Amino acid sequence: MKTMIAFDLDGTLAESKQPIGDEMSLLLKRLLDVAQVAVISGGDWPQFEKQVVGRMQGDAKLERLFIMPTTGTKLFRYDGTTWQTIYNDAFTSEERDQILAALNKAWDEAGFGGEQTWGERIEDRGSQITLSALGQQAPLHAKEGWDPDQEKRRKLQGILRGMLPEHSINIGGATSVDITRKGIDKAYGMRRLCEHAGIEFDNILFMGDAIYPGGNDDPVRAAGIDSIKVRDMADTAVAITAVIACVKA
C-alpha cells in the first residue's frame, strides 16, 4: 500500500481558487490518519492557507501534511505550532524580468485583449510566475467559460516556449499558464518531496485533473508515479474513500 497520497489542488480537491469543502476536509483528515498527504499546485502559500490549511479540522494530523506551493518549488511543513518553510527555489531578478517581458509580448502576439479582468493578470510567486488570463480574482463562472478547450492557452504556451526555451511552461487551473525554471514541474516537486520525506516514487499515489499532454499534472505520471486522473472533486472523494478502505482492510 502507498504511504504517501499526493494531490493537485484546483479541479482535484477544490474548485479553482476556492476553499476545499466540508466533505473534502473530513476526507483529508481521515486520510491523514492512515497515510502522509501532499498537496502540490501552482498557487503560492497564501492561496494554500485559504484553500487547504485554513479549512483543515483542528484535530487533523497536520504533521503528516506536506504543502507544496508554486509547482513544488516550495515546501511547507507544520512543526506542531506553526508552518515552516523547508525550501524555496526563487527566481533571480534577471530571470523575473525576462519572464515578465515575454508574458506581455506573448499575450499581445496571441491577439488576446479586451477581456474583463478581476485583479492583476500576472502574479510573481517567487519561484513561479503565473499568467491568469482574467485576473487573480476572476469569478469561477467567468474562468470556466474563457478557455474550456484550452486552445487559447495552448497558443500562449507555444509562443512562450519559443521565447523562453530555458523555462517550463505548463497549463494549469482554468485560465492559467505557469512558468518555472526548465525541468521544474510537478515531477520535480515530487522528487524534492521524496528527498525530504525519505520515500521512493513507488510509495506515492498521485491524483490530478490535468493528467494529459501539456497538463501540469502529467509530468508526475510521466515520471513513473502511479497516478489517477480525476474529473472533479467528486471523483477525488471516491478515490480517497477507496484508499482509506484499502488501508483499513
Foldseek 3Di string as FASTA:
>chain_A
DFQEEEEEPDQAQHPFLAAGDPLSLVLVLLLQVQHQYEYEYQAAPVSCCHHPVVNHDPPRPQQSYWYAYRQQQWIWGDPPDDIDTPHHDFDDPVVVVLVVVQLVVLCVVLPDDDAAADADQWDRRGQKIKGQPRHPPDDRVVLCPPQVPCPSVVSSLVSVCVSCVQWDWADDHRRMIMIGGPPRANLVSVVVVCVVVVHDLANYEYEYQQCDVRHRVVVNVVVPRHYDHDRGHVRNSVVSVVVSVVSVD
